[in-house]
Amino acid sequence: MDGVLAVHKPRGMTSHDVVWKLRRILGTKKIGHTGTLDPDVDGVLVVCIGRATKLVQFMEHAHKVYHAEAVLGVATTTEDLSGEVVEMLPVPVGCFDEAMVQQVLADFVGVSKQVPPMYSAVKVNGRKLYEYARNGVEVERPERSIEIFSLVYNADSLKFADERGYFEFDIESAKGLYVRTLCVDIGAKLGFPAAMADLQRTASGQFTLDDCVTLEQIEAGDYVLTAMADIDLGLPEFIVDELLAERIGVGSVFTVDELIDAPNEPFAVLNEHRQLLAVYQPHPEKPGKFKPVRVFS
């Protein structure tokens, strides 16, 4: 069993819980996912099965899309509503409007820096940040580069209730963004403590919520795997004949004369039947040659 499956992860389960359950249902240990979702978040969790687990290192960099709700007027230890409240500030009705929210959101589009939250799996001095946080220790966290491609306010979602302000927005980003921290930073620009009230991942790479199946559907056998060759790795494709395919399958190094017209960047290699064989790249130490990054045989 080799292929890729988009699972609708339910709230209340960790991404590892989903993988563990799939291993039991499908009867294989060779399962991995392409990007963790927090337990309180639902949505698209892409899992790779069998030989397709070798795709994870390429697929985990795919763009992610989220639907989020921010709440202003409260800050918590975890930067979402599951944590302990550490600050509250009443938000007067009408103290900011939709135009102001849209302007602030626009400021975050592009490449910027973000400090990861204490409750995260980022490692500092060999320990995960949440391990420090659970012991009541706060450590200095290095800034990380993030990239947001689009940040769109959901029209008419702004509301004020119980001395708090709420609004919803959609984000498309590269790997590494913490939406919880983004909500905190958005709130700071509007002048209030803030947290993430809700989050759903609506797309990961080529897969959307419409492509997802539930764990119940998988257990009932109601699913279809996406073939490895049908996965968009975001790489140029290069098709080889049967003779070259045999050598690709054992990870041979090639010269530019053997792979004429191959791109001068990492590329996916397929056989004449469009089966994904490997990912190759120009050899970093031997000009004029190509070496395998990963072979999928």
C-alpha atoms as a PDB file:
ATOM      1  CA  MET A   1       0.000   0.000   0.000  1.00  0.00           C
ATOM      2  CA  ASP A   2       1.717   3.138  -1.295  1.00  0.00           C
ATOM      3  CA  GLY A   3       0.127   6.564  -1.715  1.00  0.00           C
ATOM      4  CA  VAL A   4      -1.106   9.757  -0.122  1.00  0.00           C
ATOM      5  CA  LEU A   5      -4.316  10.408   1.764  1.00  0.00           C
ATOM      6  CA  ALA A   6      -5.851  13.690   2.918  1.00  0.00           C
ATOM      7  CA  VAL A   7      -7.489  13.152   6.305  1.00  0.00           C
ATOM      8  CA  HIS A   8      -9.899  15.538   8.024  1.00  0.00           C
ATOM      9  CA  LYS A   9      -8.302  15.598  11.471  1.00  0.00           C
ATOM     10  CA  PRO A  10     -10.945  16.122  14.144  1.00  0.00           C
ATOM     11  CA  ARG A  11     -10.527  18.408  17.134  1.00  0.00           C
ATOM     12  CA  GLY A  12      -9.366  16.704  20.294  1.00  0.00           C
ATOM     13  CA  MET A  13      -6.793  14.476  18.593  1.00  0.00           C
ATOM     14  CA  THR A  14      -3.111  15.118  18.050  1.00  0.00           C
ATOM     15  CA  SER A  15      -1.628  14.551  14.611  1.00  0.00           C
ATOM     16  CA  HIS A  16       0.273  11.615  16.100  1.00  0.00           C
ATOM     17  CA  ASP A  17      -3.043  10.171  17.374  1.00  0.00           C
ATOM     18  CA  VAL A  18      -4.318  10.192  13.788  1.00  0.00           C
ATOM     19  CA  VAL A  19      -1.190   8.451  12.490  1.00  0.00           C
ATOM     20  CA  TRP A  20      -1.396   5.855  15.277  1.00  0.00           C
ATOM     21  CA  LYS A  21      -5.029   5.097  14.470  1.00  0.00           C
ATOM     22  CA  LEU A  22      -4.288   4.851  10.740  1.00  0.00           C
ATOM     23  CA  ARG A  23      -1.484   2.382  11.412  1.00  0.00           C
ATOM     24  CA  ARG A  24      -3.994   0.186  13.198  1.00  0.00           C
ATOM     25  CA  ILE A  25      -6.714   0.555  10.542  1.00  0.00           C
ATOM     26  CA  LEU A  26      -4.440   0.079   7.531  1.00  0.00           C
ATOM     27  CA  GLY A  27      -2.151  -2.516   9.075  1.00  0.00           C
ATOM     28  CA  THR A  28       1.127  -0.763   8.325  1.00  0.00           C
ATOM     29  CA  LYS A  29       3.649   1.179  10.395  1.00  0.00           C
ATOM     30  CA  LYS A  30       4.961   3.119   7.404  1.00  0.00           C
ATOM     31  CA  ILE A  31       2.790   6.227   7.773  1.00  0.00           C
ATOM     32  CA  GLY A  32       3.875   9.832   8.253  1.00  0.00           C
ATOM     33  CA  HIS A  33       2.253  13.266   7.957  1.00  0.00           C
ATOM     34  CA  THR A  34       3.386  16.481   6.259  1.00  0.00           C
ATOM     35  CA  GLY A  35       2.620  19.073   8.938  1.00  0.00           C
ATOM     36  CA  THR A  36       1.416  18.963  12.547  1.00  0.00           C
ATOM     37  CA  LEU A  37      -1.949  20.323  13.654  1.00  0.00           C
ATOM     38  CA  ASP A  38      -2.529  21.215  17.318  1.00  0.00           C
ATOM     39  CA  PRO A  39      -5.146  19.116  19.159  1.00  0.00           C
ATOM     40  CA  ASP A  40      -7.688  21.990  19.214  1.00  0.00           C
ATOM     41  CA  VAL A  41      -7.371  22.512  15.441  1.00  0.00           C
ATOM     42  CA  ASP A  42      -9.225  20.535  12.793  1.00  0.00           C
ATOM     43  CA  GLY A  43      -8.762  20.305   9.051  1.00  0.00           C
ATOM     44  CA  VAL A  44      -6.472  18.941   6.371  1.00  0.00           C
ATOM     45  CA  LEU A  45      -3.801  16.519   7.572  1.00  0.00           C
ATOM     46  CA  VAL A  46      -1.934  14.964   4.649  1.00  0.00           C
ATOM     47  CA  VAL A  47      -0.560  11.498   5.399  1.00  0.00           C
ATOM     48  CA  CYS A  48       1.876   9.453   3.335  1.00  0.00           C
ATOM     49  CA  ILE A  49       1.664   5.668   3.360  1.00  0.00           C
ATOM     50  CA  GLY A  50       4.218   2.993   2.448  1.00  0.00           C
ATOM     51  CA  ARG A  51       6.857   4.127  -0.046  1.00  0.00           C
ATOM     52  CA  ALA A  52       5.102   7.509  -0.167  1.00  0.00           C
ATOM     53  CA  THR A  53       6.583   8.315   3.270  1.00  0.00           C
ATOM     54  CA  LYS A  54       9.716   9.207   1.295  1.00  0.00           C
ATOM     55  CA  LEU A  55       7.749  12.173  -0.095  1.00  0.00           C
ATOM     56  CA  VAL A  56       7.274  13.810   3.309  1.00  0.00           C
ATOM     57  CA  GLN A  57      10.522  15.806   3.147  1.00  0.00           C
ATOM     58  CA  PHE A  58       9.315  17.445  -0.077  1.00  0.00           C
ATOM     59  CA  MET A  59       5.614  17.810   0.747  1.00  0.00           C
ATOM     60  CA  GLU A  60       6.077  19.368   4.193  1.00  0.00           C
ATOM     61  CA  HIS A  61       7.208  22.595   2.506  1.00  0.00           C
ATOM     62  CA  ALA A  62       3.925  22.985   0.597  1.00  0.00           C
ATOM     63  CA  HIS A  63       1.811  26.097   1.171  1.00  0.00           C
ATOM     64  CA  LYS A  64      -0.764  25.839   3.936  1.00  0.00           C
ATOM     65  CA  VAL A  65      -4.133  27.649   4.043  1.00  0.00           C
ATOM     66  CA  TYR A  66      -6.024  28.383   7.264  1.00  0.00           C
ATOM     67  CA  HIS A  67      -9.295  29.948   8.403  1.00  0.00           C
ATOM     68  CA  ALA A  68      -8.776  31.688  11.739  1.00  0.00           C
ATOM     69  CA  GLU A  69     -10.648  33.749  14.293  1.00  0.00           C
ATOM     70  CA  ALA A  70      -8.814  36.199  16.534  1.00  0.00           C
ATOM     71  CA  VAL A  71     -10.115  37.482  19.867  1.00  0.00           C
ATOM     72  CA  LEU A  72      -8.918  40.825  21.244  1.00  0.00           C
ATOM     73  CA  GLY A  73      -9.037  41.826  24.892  1.00  0.00           C
ATOM     74  CA  VAL A  74      -7.441  38.716  26.387  1.00  0.00           C
ATOM     75  CA  ALA A  75      -3.983  37.113  26.386  1.00  0.00           C
ATOM     76  CA  THR A  76      -3.150  33.576  27.504  1.00  0.00           C
ATOM     77  CA  THR A  77      -0.100  31.449  28.240  1.00  0.00           C
ATOM     78  CA  THR A  78      -0.658  29.360  25.095  1.00  0.00           C
ATOM     79  CA  GLU A  79      -1.750  32.230  22.807  1.00  0.00           C
ATOM     80  CA  ASP A  80      -5.098  30.470  22.255  1.00  0.00           C
ATOM     81  CA  LEU A  81      -8.148  30.014  24.472  1.00  0.00           C
ATOM     82  CA  SER A  82      -6.932  26.718  25.934  1.00  0.00           C
ATOM     83  CA  GLY A  83      -4.355  28.474  28.104  1.00  0.00           C
ATOM     84  CA  GLU A  84      -4.407  30.362  31.378  1.00  0.00           C
ATOM     85  CA  VAL A  85      -5.478  33.992  31.087  1.00  0.00           C
ATOM     86  CA  VAL A  86      -2.564  36.323  31.857  1.00  0.00           C
ATOM     87  CA  GLU A  87      -3.969  39.693  30.727  1.00  0.00           C
ATOM     88  CA  MET A  88      -7.363  41.258  30.081  1.00  0.00           C
ATOM     89  CA  LEU A  89      -8.242  44.666  28.671  1.00  0.00           C
ATOM     90  CA  PRO A  90     -11.809  45.709  27.818  1.00  0.00           C
ATOM     91  CA  VAL A  91     -12.390  46.349  24.118  1.00  0.00           C
ATOM     92  CA  PRO A  92     -14.912  49.181  23.666  1.00  0.00           C
ATOM     93  CA  VAL A  93     -17.538  48.600  20.997  1.00  0.00           C
ATOM     94  CA  GLY A  94     -16.485  50.280  17.750  1.00  0.00           C
ATOM     95  CA  CYS A  95     -12.951  51.156  18.899  1.00  0.00           C
ATOM     96  CA  PHE A  96     -11.704  49.827  15.566  1.00  0.00           C
ATOM     97  CA  ASP A  97     -13.510  49.038  12.328  1.00  0.00           C
ATOM     98  CA  GLU A  98     -13.172  46.674   9.377  1.00  0.00           C
ATOM     99  CA  ALA A  99     -10.967  49.083   7.424  1.00  0.00           C
ATOM    100  CA  MET A 100      -8.494  49.237  10.305  1.00  0.00           C
ATOM    101  CA  VAL A 101      -8.423  45.442  10.574  1.00  0.00           C
ATOM    102  CA  GLN A 102      -7.825  45.098   6.833  1.00  0.00           C
ATOM    103  CA  GLN A 103      -4.960  47.588   6.958  1.00  0.00           C
ATOM    104  CA  VAL A 104      -3.285  45.778   9.852  1.00  0.00           C
ATOM    105  CA  LEU A 105      -3.637  42.409   8.129  1.00  0.00           C
ATOM    106  CA  ALA A 106      -2.044  43.815   4.976  1.00  0.00           C
ATOM    107  CA  ASP A 107       1.029  44.795   7.010  1.00  0.00           C
ATOM    108  CA  PHE A 108       1.784  41.130   7.716  1.00  0.00           C
ATOM    109  CA  VAL A 109       1.811  39.946   4.082  1.00  0.00           C
ATOM    110  CA  GLY A 110       5.282  39.046   2.823  1.00  0.00           C
ATOM    111  CA  VAL A 111       8.472  37.856   4.510  1.00  0.00           C
ATOM    112  CA  SER A 112       8.934  38.800   8.164  1.00  0.00           C
ATOM    113  CA  LYS A 113      10.189  37.491  11.496  1.00  0.00           C
ATOM    114  CA  GLN A 114       8.178  35.709  14.172  1.00  0.00           C
ATOM    115  CA  VAL A 115       9.059  34.592  17.697  1.00  0.00           C
ATOM    116  CA  PRO A 116       7.617  31.096  18.246  1.00  0.00           C
ATOM    117  CA  PRO A 117       5.289  30.646  21.241  1.00  0.00           C
ATOM    118  CA  MET A 118       6.505  29.003  24.449  1.00  0.00           C
ATOM    119  CA  TYR A 119       3.922  26.270  23.956  1.00  0.00           C
ATOM    120  CA  SER A 120       5.455  24.872  20.759  1.00  0.00           C
ATOM    121  CA  ALA A 121       7.744  22.040  19.671  1.00  0.00           C
ATOM    122  CA  VAL A 122      10.574  24.366  18.616  1.00  0.00           C
ATOM    123  CA  LYS A 123      13.790  23.280  20.326  1.00  0.00           C
ATOM    124  CA  VAL A 124      16.066  25.573  22.359  1.00  0.00           C
ATOM    125  CA  ASN A 125      19.216  24.059  23.872  1.00  0.00           C
ATOM    126  CA  GLY A 126      18.020  20.593  22.936  1.00  0.00           C
ATOM    127  CA  ARG A 127      14.633  20.842  24.678  1.00  0.00           C
ATOM    128  CA  LYS A 128      11.216  21.589  23.225  1.00  0.00           C
ATOM    129  CA  LEU A 129       9.795  24.936  24.284  1.00  0.00           C
ATOM    130  CA  TYR A 130       6.631  23.424  25.704  1.00  0.00           C
ATOM    131  CA  GLU A 131       8.780  21.377  28.107  1.00  0.00           C
ATOM    132  CA  TYR A 132      10.137  24.619  29.565  1.00  0.00           C
ATOM    133  CA  ALA A 133       6.648  26.162  29.592  1.00  0.00           C
ATOM    134  CA  ARG A 134       5.103  23.256  31.496  1.00  0.00           C
ATOM    135  CA  ASN A 135       7.722  23.776  34.202  1.00  0.00           C
ATOM    136  CA  GLY A 136       6.946  27.488  34.400  1.00  0.00           C
ATOM    137  CA  VAL A 137      10.205  28.502  32.755  1.00  0.00           C
ATOM    138  CA  GLU A 138      10.305  31.087  29.970  1.00  0.00           C
ATOM    139  CA  VAL A 139      13.389  31.115  27.770  1.00  0.00           C
ATOM    140  CA  GLU A 140      14.592  33.459  25.071  1.00  0.00           C
ATOM    141  CA  ARG A 141      13.389  32.269  21.663  1.00  0.00           C
ATOM    142  CA  PRO A 142      15.192  33.099  18.441  1.00  0.00           C
ATOM    143  CA  GLU A 143      13.187  34.833  15.732  1.00  0.00           C
ATOM    144  CA  ARG A 144      12.353  32.736  12.690  1.00  0.00           C
ATOM    145  CA  SER A 145      11.620  33.822   9.141  1.00  0.00           C
ATOM    146  CA  ILE A 146       8.042  33.323   7.980  1.00  0.00           C
ATOM    147  CA  GLU A 147       6.296  34.112   4.721  1.00  0.00           C
ATOM    148  CA  ILE A 148       2.620  34.960   4.331  1.00  0.00           C
ATOM    149  CA  PHE A 149       1.339  35.000   0.767  1.00  0.00           C
ATOM    150  CA  SER A 150      -2.150  36.297   1.491  1.00  0.00           C
ATOM    151  CA  LEU A 151      -4.089  37.457   4.546  1.00  0.00           C
ATOM    152  CA  VAL A 152      -7.739  38.190   3.804  1.00  0.00           C
ATOM    153  CA  TYR A 153     -10.280  39.604   6.252  1.00  0.00           C
ATOM    154  CA  ASN A 154     -13.680  37.878   6.159  1.00  0.00           C
ATOM    155  CA  ALA A 155     -16.253  40.562   5.413  1.00  0.00           C
ATOM    156  CA  ASP A 156     -18.806  41.274   8.159  1.00  0.00           C
ATOM    157  CA  SER A 157     -17.038  38.996  10.658  1.00  0.00           C
ATOM    158  CA  LEU A 158     -16.077  41.829  13.054  1.00  0.00           C
ATOM    159  CA  LYS A 159     -18.104  41.733  16.261  1.00  0.00           C
ATOM    160  CA  PHE A 160     -17.902  43.043  19.814  1.00  0.00           C
ATOM    161  CA  ALA A 161     -19.216  41.035  22.761  1.00  0.00           C
ATOM    162  CA  ASP A 162     -18.447  40.715  26.479  1.00  0.00           C
ATOM    163  CA  GLU A 163     -15.800  43.473  26.277  1.00  0.00           C
ATOM    164  CA  ARG A 164     -13.916  41.574  23.584  1.00  0.00           C
ATOM    165  CA  GLY A 165     -13.501  41.987  19.858  1.00  0.00           C
ATOM    166  CA  TYR A 166     -13.590  39.168  17.325  1.00  0.00           C
ATOM    167  CA  PHE A 167     -12.907  38.839  13.601  1.00  0.00           C
ATOM    168  CA  GLU A 168     -12.101  36.102  11.089  1.00  0.00           C
ATOM    169  CA  PHE A 169      -9.540  35.887   8.308  1.00  0.00           C
ATOM    170  CA  ASP A 170      -7.938  33.459   5.853  1.00  0.00           C
ATOM    171  CA  ILE A 171      -4.181  32.910   5.593  1.00  0.00           C
ATOM    172  CA  GLU A 172      -1.999  31.285   2.961  1.00  0.00           C
ATOM    173  CA  SER A 173       1.540  30.801   4.187  1.00  0.00           C
ATOM    174  CA  ALA A 174       4.759  28.860   3.867  1.00  0.00           C
ATOM    175  CA  LYS A 175       5.818  26.279   6.431  1.00  0.00           C
ATOM    176  CA  GLY A 176       6.640  27.509   9.930  1.00  0.00           C
ATOM    177  CA  LEU A 177       3.930  30.087  10.648  1.00  0.00           C
ATOM    178  CA  TYR A 178       2.301  30.012  14.088  1.00  0.00           C
ATOM    179  CA  VAL A 179      -1.197  31.421  13.601  1.00  0.00           C
ATOM    180  CA  ARG A 180      -1.570  31.780  17.386  1.00  0.00           C
ATOM    181  CA  THR A 181       1.375  34.161  17.451  1.00  0.00           C
ATOM    182  CA  LEU A 182       0.080  35.964  14.373  1.00  0.00           C
ATOM    183  CA  CYS A 183      -3.180  36.688  16.235  1.00  0.00           C
ATOM    184  CA  VAL A 184      -1.184  38.080  19.178  1.00  0.00           C
ATOM    185  CA  ASP A 185       0.859  40.303  16.866  1.00  0.00           C
ATOM    186  CA  ILE A 186      -2.251  41.524  15.022  1.00  0.00           C
ATOM    187  CA  GLY A 187      -3.847  42.419  18.342  1.00  0.00           C
ATOM    188  CA  ALA A 188      -0.748  44.351  19.411  1.00  0.00           C
ATOM    189  CA  LYS A 189      -0.981  46.493  16.265  1.00  0.00           C
ATOM    190  CA  LEU A 190      -4.608  47.238  17.113  1.00  0.00           C
ATOM    191  CA  GLY A 191      -3.624  48.123  20.677  1.00  0.00           C
ATOM    192  CA  PHE A 192      -4.995  45.136  22.601  1.00  0.00           C
ATOM    193  CA  PRO A 193      -3.859  41.811  24.054  1.00  0.00           C
ATOM    194  CA  ALA A 194      -5.078  39.020  21.787  1.00  0.00           C
ATOM    195  CA  ALA A 195      -5.273  35.288  21.266  1.00  0.00           C
ATOM    196  CA  MET A 196      -6.419  32.804  18.662  1.00  0.00           C
ATOM    197  CA  ALA A 197     -10.069  31.865  19.210  1.00  0.00           C
ATOM    198  CA  ASP A 198     -10.426  29.253  16.467  1.00  0.00           C
ATOM    199  CA  LEU A 199      -8.428  27.674  13.651  1.00  0.00           C
ATOM    200  CA  GLN A 200      -9.041  25.280  10.787  1.00  0.00           C
ATOM    201  CA  ARG A 201      -6.553  24.207   8.120  1.00  0.00           C
ATOM    202  CA  THR A 202      -8.472  24.356   4.850  1.00  0.00           C
ATOM    203  CA  ALA A 203      -5.691  23.304   2.467  1.00  0.00           C
ATOM    204  CA  SER A 204      -2.225  21.781   2.442  1.00  0.00           C
ATOM    205  CA  GLY A 205      -0.425  21.771  -0.876  1.00  0.00           C
ATOM    206  CA  GLN A 206      -2.761  20.395  -3.546  1.00  0.00           C
ATOM    207  CA  PHE A 207      -5.262  18.997  -1.020  1.00  0.00           C
ATOM    208  CA  THR A 208      -8.298  20.873   0.319  1.00  0.00           C
ATOM    209  CA  LEU A 209     -11.059  19.999   2.782  1.00  0.00           C
ATOM    210  CA  ASP A 210     -13.117  18.711  -0.149  1.00  0.00           C
ATOM    211  CA  ASP A 211     -10.429  16.080  -0.787  1.00  0.00           C
ATOM    212  CA  CYS A 212     -10.426  14.838   2.802  1.00  0.00           C
ATOM    213  CA  VAL A 213     -11.874  11.683   4.261  1.00  0.00           C
ATOM    214  CA  THR A 214     -12.638  11.044   7.913  1.00  0.00           C
ATOM    215  CA  LEU A 215     -11.146   8.304  10.052  1.00  0.00           C
ATOM    216  CA  GLU A 216     -14.576   6.662  10.058  1.00  0.00           C
ATOM    217  CA  GLN A 217     -14.617   6.574   6.252  1.00  0.00           C
ATOM    218  CA  ILE A 218     -11.144   5.076   6.166  1.00  0.00           C
ATOM    219  CA  GLU A 219     -12.143   2.417   8.681  1.00  0.00           C
ATOM    220  CA  ALA A 220     -15.117   1.560   6.436  1.00  0.00           C
ATOM    221  CA  GLY A 221     -12.818   1.278   3.407  1.00  0.00           C
ATOM    222  CA  ASP A 222     -14.345   4.353   1.777  1.00  0.00           C
ATOM    223  CA  TYR A 223     -11.187   6.058   0.483  1.00  0.00           C
ATOM    224  CA  VAL A 224      -8.867   6.218  -2.522  1.00  0.00           C
ATOM    225  CA  LEU A 225      -5.122   6.790  -2.268  1.00  0.00           C
ATOM    226  CA  THR A 226      -3.504   9.445  -4.441  1.00  0.00           C
ATOM    227  CA  ALA A 227      -0.647   7.882  -6.405  1.00  0.00           C
ATOM    228  CA  MET A 228       2.860   9.160  -5.774  1.00  0.00           C
ATOM    229  CA  ALA A 229       3.201  10.317  -9.392  1.00  0.00           C
ATOM    230  CA  ASP A 230       0.098  12.507  -8.948  1.00  0.00           C
ATOM    231  CA  ILE A 231       1.609  14.465  -6.061  1.00  0.00           C
ATOM    232  CA  ASP A 232       2.710  17.984  -6.892  1.00  0.00           C
ATOM    233  CA  LEU A 233       6.159  18.298  -5.346  1.00  0.00           C
ATOM    234  CA  GLY A 234       6.621  21.769  -6.778  1.00  0.00           C
ATOM    235  CA  LEU A 235       9.538  20.474  -8.861  1.00  0.00           C
ATOM    236  CA  PRO A 236      10.190  20.318 -12.616  1.00  0.00           C
ATOM    237  CA  GLU A 237       9.457  16.864 -14.049  1.00  0.00           C
ATOM    238  CA  PHE A 238      11.872  14.897 -16.238  1.00  0.00           C
ATOM    239  CA  ILE A 239      10.759  11.702 -18.024  1.00  0.00           C
ATOM    240  CA  VAL A 240      13.320   8.995 -18.809  1.00  0.00           C
ATOM    241  CA  ASP A 241      13.258   5.867 -20.958  1.00  0.00           C
ATOM    242  CA  GLU A 242      13.286   2.316 -19.627  1.00  0.00           C
ATOM    243  CA  LEU A 243      17.071   1.954 -19.740  1.00  0.00           C
ATOM    244  CA  LEU A 244      17.697   5.106 -17.730  1.00  0.00           C
ATOM    245  CA  ALA A 245      14.816   4.247 -15.401  1.00  0.00           C
ATOM    246  CA  GLU A 246      16.631   1.091 -14.288  1.00  0.00           C
ATOM    247  CA  ARG A 247      19.723   3.082 -13.344  1.00  0.00           C
ATOM    248  CA  ILE A 248      17.626   5.804 -11.686  1.00  0.00           C
ATOM    249  CA  GLY A 249      16.031   3.093  -9.558  1.00  0.00           C
ATOM    250  CA  VAL A 250      19.388   2.170  -8.014  1.00  0.00           C
ATOM    251  CA  GLY A 251      20.464   5.778  -7.467  1.00  0.00           C
ATOM    252  CA  SER A 252      23.130   6.059 -10.163  1.00  0.00           C
ATOM    253  CA  VAL A 253      24.977   9.329 -10.731  1.00  0.00           C
ATOM    254  CA  PHE A 254      24.476  10.749 -14.248  1.00  0.00           C
ATOM    255  CA  THR A 255      26.313  13.183 -16.473  1.00  0.00           C
ATOM    256  CA  VAL A 256      24.650  16.061 -18.293  1.00  0.00           C
ATOM    257  CA  ASP A 257      25.244  14.152 -21.534  1.00  0.00           C
ATOM    258  CA  GLU A 258      23.114  11.261 -20.257  1.00  0.00           C
ATOM    259  CA  LEU A 259      20.296  13.476 -18.953  1.00  0.00           C
ATOM    260  CA  ILE A 260      20.168  15.961 -21.815  1.00  0.00           C
ATOM    261  CA  ASP A 261      17.906  18.957 -21.098  1.00  0.00           C
ATOM    262  CA  ALA A 262      17.568  18.087 -17.403  1.00  0.00           C
ATOM    263  CA  PRO A 263      17.021  21.292 -15.379  1.00  0.00           C
ATOM    264  CA  ASN A 264      19.851  22.843 -13.386  1.00  0.00           C
ATOM    265  CA  GLU A 265      17.862  22.540 -10.138  1.00  0.00           C
ATOM    266  CA  PRO A 266      16.232  19.693  -8.172  1.00  0.00           C
ATOM    267  CA  PHE A 267      13.749  17.778 -10.367  1.00  0.00           C
ATOM    268  CA  ALA A 268      11.404  14.815 -10.192  1.00  0.00           C
ATOM    269  CA  VAL A 269      12.234  11.851 -12.423  1.00  0.00           C
ATOM    270  CA  LEU A 270       9.392   9.759 -13.873  1.00  0.00           C
ATOM    271  CA  ASN A 271       9.390   6.754 -16.199  1.00  0.00           C
ATOM    272  CA  GLU A 272       7.434   6.549 -19.446  1.00  0.00           C
ATOM    273  CA  HIS A 273       4.401   5.277 -17.500  1.00  0.00           C
ATOM    274  CA  ARG A 274       4.549   8.407 -15.301  1.00  0.00           C
ATOM    275  CA  GLN A 275       5.603   6.500 -12.203  1.00  0.00           C
ATOM    276  CA  LEU A 276       7.664   8.622  -9.823  1.00  0.00           C
ATOM    277  CA  LEU A 277      11.173   7.171  -9.584  1.00  0.00           C
ATOM    278  CA  ALA A 278      13.317   9.699  -7.763  1.00  0.00           C
ATOM    279  CA  VAL A 279      14.271  13.303  -7.107  1.00  0.00           C
ATOM    280  CA  TYR A 280      17.648  14.347  -8.523  1.00  0.00           C
ATOM    281  CA  GLN A 281      19.721  17.504  -8.297  1.00  0.00           C
ATOM    282  CA  PRO A 282      22.933  18.888  -9.797  1.00  0.00           C
ATOM    283  CA  HIS A 283      25.901  17.333  -7.980  1.00  0.00           C
ATOM    284  CA  PRO A 284      27.237  19.972  -5.520  1.00  0.00           C
ATOM    285  CA  GLU A 285      30.824  18.729  -5.784  1.00  0.00           C
ATOM    286  CA  LYS A 286      31.021  17.374  -9.355  1.00  0.00           C
ATOM    287  CA  PRO A 287      30.019  19.905 -12.017  1.00  0.00           C
ATOM    288  CA  GLY A 288      28.251  18.371 -14.974  1.00  0.00           C
ATOM    289  CA  LYS A 289      26.737  15.524 -12.971  1.00  0.00           C
ATOM    290  CA  PHE A 290      23.416  14.776 -11.278  1.00  0.00           C
ATOM    291  CA  LYS A 291      22.981  12.864  -8.015  1.00  0.00           C
ATOM    292  CA  PRO A 292      19.866  11.470  -6.298  1.00  0.00           C
ATOM    293  CA  VAL A 293      18.240  13.352  -3.436  1.00  0.00           C
ATOM    294  CA  ARG A 294      15.771  10.527  -2.841  1.00  0.00           C
ATOM    295  CA  VAL A 295      14.997   7.292  -4.712  1.00  0.00           C
ATOM    296  CA  PHE A 296      11.457   5.937  -4.327  1.00  0.00           C
ATOM    297  CA  SER A 297      11.966   2.295  -5.361  1.00  0.00           C
END
